[in-house]
Amino acid sequence: MAANTKAFLRVLDSYENTTGGGTASAVAGAMAAALVAMVARLSIGKQGLEDEDFYLEIMKEVESLSTELMDGGSDDSEAYTAIRMAFRLPKKTEEQKNLRRDSIEEATIHATRVPLENAKHCQRVIKLADRLKGRSNPNAVSDLECGEHLAWAGMLGCVANVKINLPGIKDEERKKEFIREVEELTKTKRQPYEESSAL
């Protein structure tokens, strides 16, 4: 938790260069999941809605996703740091050059995998938010909408961080797999909201 709190605070520090969009996107996803969990909890026992088990199941999953995304935000920051360290390795001899090249490749692949997993978690939050539409406490509809907006921002931000790393990956097969998974994520369709107020 301490590491996650530090990662979150670094997102808010405009002078901190190791914690950027990837961490911010994961934190957005974590907040989204927490909001969806709250809406599910506030919907338990409301007349005309689903059975308690329906909401408890959603709560359990999104609470887990919120924790994983906070951890993922910290992981993203550490992954970027690992890339920076790899580029600083010595390159005077052939052996050093080979070690540096391999280290950069390994660090770049890891730094691509982390936001990809975070994007998948955000996508799952979106799907769980969709399950609550029209089946949740009407007094919390704006909270659900905010949660979904944050989840979308988180997913798209994480995808952007995957894409920016792809040119640095030399392993073409791994690169193709990352591209395939990103394409699957971007197939997610945004479901419209009904107006929550009579404007």
Protein backbone atom coordinates (compact mmCIF):
# COMPACT_ATOMS: atom_id res chain seq x y z
CA MET A 1 0.00 0.00 0.00
CA ALA A 2 2.86 2.39 0.83
CA ALA A 3 4.40 1.86 -2.61
CA ASN A 4 1.02 2.49 -4.25
CA THR A 5 0.52 5.69 -2.28
CA LYS A 6 3.95 6.92 -3.33
CA ALA A 7 3.17 6.10 -6.96
CA PHE A 8 -0.10 8.03 -6.73
CA LEU A 9 1.59 11.05 -5.18
CA ARG A 10 4.26 10.99 -7.89
CA VAL A 11 1.51 11.22 -10.52
CA LEU A 12 0.53 14.53 -8.93
CA ASP A 13 4.11 15.83 -9.03
CA SER A 14 4.75 17.60 -12.34
CA TYR A 15 8.50 17.48 -11.66
CA GLU A 16 8.54 13.66 -11.33
CA ASN A 17 9.58 12.10 -14.65
CA THR A 18 9.46 8.37 -13.85
CA THR A 19 5.73 8.28 -13.10
CA GLY A 20 3.63 9.34 -16.05
CA GLY A 21 0.61 8.43 -18.12
CA GLY A 22 0.81 4.70 -17.55
CA THR A 23 0.62 5.02 -13.79
CA ALA A 24 -2.02 7.76 -14.02
CA SER A 25 -4.15 5.55 -16.28
CA ALA A 26 -3.91 2.59 -13.92
CA VAL A 27 -4.87 4.80 -10.97
CA ALA A 28 -7.86 6.09 -12.98
CA GLY A 29 -8.91 2.48 -13.49
CA ALA A 30 -8.52 1.76 -9.78
CA MET A 31 -10.75 4.73 -8.90
CA ALA A 32 -13.26 3.57 -11.51
CA ALA A 33 -13.41 0.11 -9.97
CA ALA A 34 -13.90 1.58 -6.49
CA LEU A 35 -16.82 3.68 -7.75
CA VAL A 36 -18.45 0.68 -9.43
CA ALA A 37 -18.08 -1.28 -6.18
CA MET A 38 -19.71 1.57 -4.27
CA VAL A 39 -22.67 1.68 -6.66
CA ALA A 40 -23.13 -2.07 -6.36
CA ARG A 41 -23.12 -1.81 -2.56
CA LEU A 42 -25.63 1.06 -2.59
CA SER A 43 -27.94 -1.03 -4.78
CA ILE A 44 -28.28 -3.93 -2.35
CA GLY A 45 -31.79 -4.25 -0.93
CA LYS A 46 -33.35 -1.62 -3.15
CA GLN A 47 -36.88 -2.41 -4.23
CA GLY A 48 -37.31 -3.62 -7.78
CA LEU A 49 -33.62 -4.35 -8.31
CA GLU A 50 -31.56 -7.55 -8.44
CA ASP A 51 -30.92 -10.04 -5.67
CA GLU A 52 -28.15 -9.30 -3.20
CA ASP A 53 -25.87 -11.97 -4.68
CA PHE A 54 -25.82 -10.15 -8.02
CA TYR A 55 -24.32 -7.04 -6.41
CA LEU A 56 -22.03 -8.92 -4.05
CA GLU A 57 -20.49 -10.78 -6.99
CA ILE A 58 -19.77 -7.52 -8.80
CA MET A 59 -18.46 -5.88 -5.64
CA LYS A 60 -16.03 -8.70 -4.99
CA GLU A 61 -14.59 -8.58 -8.50
CA VAL A 62 -14.27 -4.81 -8.85
CA GLU A 63 -12.71 -4.45 -5.39
CA SER A 64 -10.08 -6.97 -6.48
CA LEU A 65 -9.59 -5.08 -9.76
CA SER A 66 -9.16 -1.82 -7.88
CA THR A 67 -6.33 -3.32 -5.83
CA GLU A 68 -4.71 -4.88 -8.91
CA LEU A 69 -4.84 -1.59 -10.79
CA MET A 70 -3.26 0.34 -7.92
CA ASP A 71 -0.53 -2.29 -7.84
CA GLY A 72 -0.33 -2.02 -11.62
CA GLY A 73 0.23 1.72 -11.37
CA SER A 74 3.21 1.15 -9.11
CA ASP A 75 4.46 -1.61 -11.44
CA ASP A 76 4.26 0.76 -14.41
CA SER A 77 6.46 3.29 -12.67
CA GLU A 78 9.00 0.60 -11.79
CA ALA A 79 8.95 -0.76 -15.35
CA TYR A 80 9.82 2.65 -16.78
CA THR A 81 12.64 3.00 -14.26
CA ALA A 82 14.00 -0.38 -15.39
CA ILE A 83 14.16 0.85 -19.01
CA ARG A 84 16.08 3.94 -17.96
CA MET A 85 18.54 1.82 -15.99
CA ALA A 86 19.03 -0.55 -18.93
CA PHE A 87 19.94 2.33 -21.23
CA ARG A 88 22.53 3.49 -18.71
CA LEU A 89 24.43 0.19 -18.80
CA PRO A 90 28.01 0.43 -20.12
CA LYS A 91 28.68 -0.27 -23.79
CA LYS A 92 32.44 -0.18 -24.20
CA THR A 93 33.03 -3.87 -24.99
CA GLU A 94 31.06 -6.26 -27.20
CA GLU A 95 30.00 -8.22 -24.13
CA GLN A 96 28.71 -5.07 -22.48
CA LYS A 97 26.90 -4.05 -25.65
CA ASN A 98 25.19 -7.45 -25.89
CA LEU A 99 24.18 -7.35 -22.23
CA ARG A 100 22.85 -3.81 -22.62
CA ARG A 101 20.89 -4.71 -25.77
CA ASP A 102 19.31 -7.75 -24.10
CA SER A 103 18.52 -5.78 -20.95
CA ILE A 104 16.82 -3.04 -22.95
CA GLU A 105 14.76 -5.60 -24.86
CA GLU A 106 13.70 -7.39 -21.69
CA ALA A 107 12.84 -4.15 -19.91
CA THR A 108 10.89 -2.83 -22.90
CA ILE A 109 8.84 -6.02 -23.20
CA HIS A 110 8.05 -5.87 -19.49
CA ALA A 111 7.16 -2.17 -19.73
CA THR A 112 4.74 -3.08 -22.53
CA ARG A 113 3.19 -6.02 -20.75
CA VAL A 114 2.41 -4.03 -17.58
CA PRO A 115 0.11 -1.41 -19.19
CA LEU A 116 -1.42 -4.13 -21.35
CA GLU A 117 -2.52 -6.04 -18.24
CA ASN A 118 -3.73 -2.80 -16.67
CA ALA A 119 -5.75 -2.08 -19.83
CA LYS A 120 -7.37 -5.51 -19.59
CA HIS A 121 -8.34 -4.82 -15.99
CA CYS A 122 -9.87 -1.49 -17.01
CA GLN A 123 -11.80 -3.23 -19.77
CA ARG A 124 -13.22 -5.64 -17.20
CA VAL A 125 -14.28 -2.71 -15.00
CA ILE A 126 -16.11 -1.26 -18.02
CA LYS A 127 -17.97 -4.53 -18.56
CA LEU A 128 -18.97 -4.77 -14.92
CA ALA A 129 -20.18 -1.16 -14.97
CA ASP A 130 -22.28 -2.05 -18.01
CA ARG A 131 -23.90 -4.88 -16.03
CA LEU A 132 -25.13 -2.36 -13.49
CA LYS A 133 -26.76 -0.01 -15.99
CA GLY A 134 -30.49 0.09 -15.34
CA ARG A 135 -30.01 -2.34 -12.44
CA SER A 136 -28.52 -0.08 -9.79
CA ASN A 137 -29.57 2.52 -7.27
CA PRO A 138 -30.90 5.46 -9.34
CA ASN A 139 -29.46 7.91 -6.80
CA ALA A 140 -25.97 6.67 -7.72
CA VAL A 141 -26.32 6.74 -11.51
CA SER A 142 -23.87 9.65 -11.82
CA ASP A 143 -21.32 7.73 -9.74
CA LEU A 144 -21.64 4.76 -12.08
CA GLU A 145 -21.27 7.04 -15.09
CA CYS A 146 -18.15 8.66 -13.59
CA GLY A 147 -16.75 5.21 -12.88
CA GLU A 148 -17.20 4.16 -16.47
CA HIS A 149 -15.68 7.38 -17.81
CA LEU A 150 -12.63 6.80 -15.61
CA ALA A 151 -12.38 3.17 -16.70
CA TRP A 152 -12.43 4.20 -20.36
CA ALA A 153 -9.78 6.85 -19.72
CA GLY A 154 -7.71 4.25 -17.91
CA MET A 155 -8.00 1.65 -20.65
CA LEU A 156 -7.24 4.06 -23.49
CA GLY A 157 -4.34 5.58 -21.57
CA CYS A 158 -2.84 2.16 -20.88
CA VAL A 159 -3.25 1.19 -24.53
CA ALA A 160 -1.39 4.37 -25.53
CA ASN A 161 1.47 3.30 -23.27
CA VAL A 162 1.57 -0.13 -24.89
CA LYS A 163 1.70 1.39 -28.38
CA ILE A 164 4.52 3.81 -27.61
CA ASN A 165 6.76 0.92 -26.54
CA LEU A 166 6.16 -1.28 -29.58
CA PRO A 167 8.79 0.30 -31.87
CA GLY A 168 11.45 -0.49 -29.28
CA ILE A 169 10.75 -4.24 -29.28
CA LYS A 170 13.02 -6.23 -31.59
CA ASP A 171 11.26 -9.58 -31.13
CA GLU A 172 8.73 -9.46 -33.98
CA GLU A 173 6.61 -12.33 -32.66
CA ARG A 174 6.16 -10.69 -29.28
CA LYS A 175 5.40 -7.39 -30.98
CA LYS A 176 2.72 -9.02 -33.14
CA GLU A 177 1.14 -10.60 -30.07
CA PHE A 178 1.01 -7.24 -28.29
CA ILE A 179 -0.58 -5.67 -31.38
CA ARG A 180 -3.17 -8.44 -31.57
CA GLU A 181 -4.11 -7.98 -27.91
CA VAL A 182 -4.37 -4.20 -28.31
CA GLU A 183 -6.66 -4.67 -31.30
CA GLU A 184 -8.90 -6.93 -29.20
CA LEU A 185 -9.08 -4.31 -26.47
CA THR A 186 -9.97 -1.51 -28.86
CA LYS A 187 -12.92 -3.52 -30.17
CA THR A 188 -14.72 -2.72 -26.91
CA LYS A 189 -17.88 -0.76 -27.68
CA ARG A 190 -19.02 2.14 -25.55
CA GLN A 191 -22.60 1.75 -24.41
CA PRO A 192 -24.59 5.02 -24.22
CA TYR A 193 -26.02 6.33 -20.97
CA GLU A 194 -29.56 7.49 -20.51
CA GLU A 195 -29.77 11.09 -19.32
CA SER A 196 -29.43 11.11 -15.53
CA SER A 197 -31.14 14.49 -15.18
CA ALA A 198 -33.86 16.37 -17.00
CA LEU A 199 -31.83 19.16 -18.59
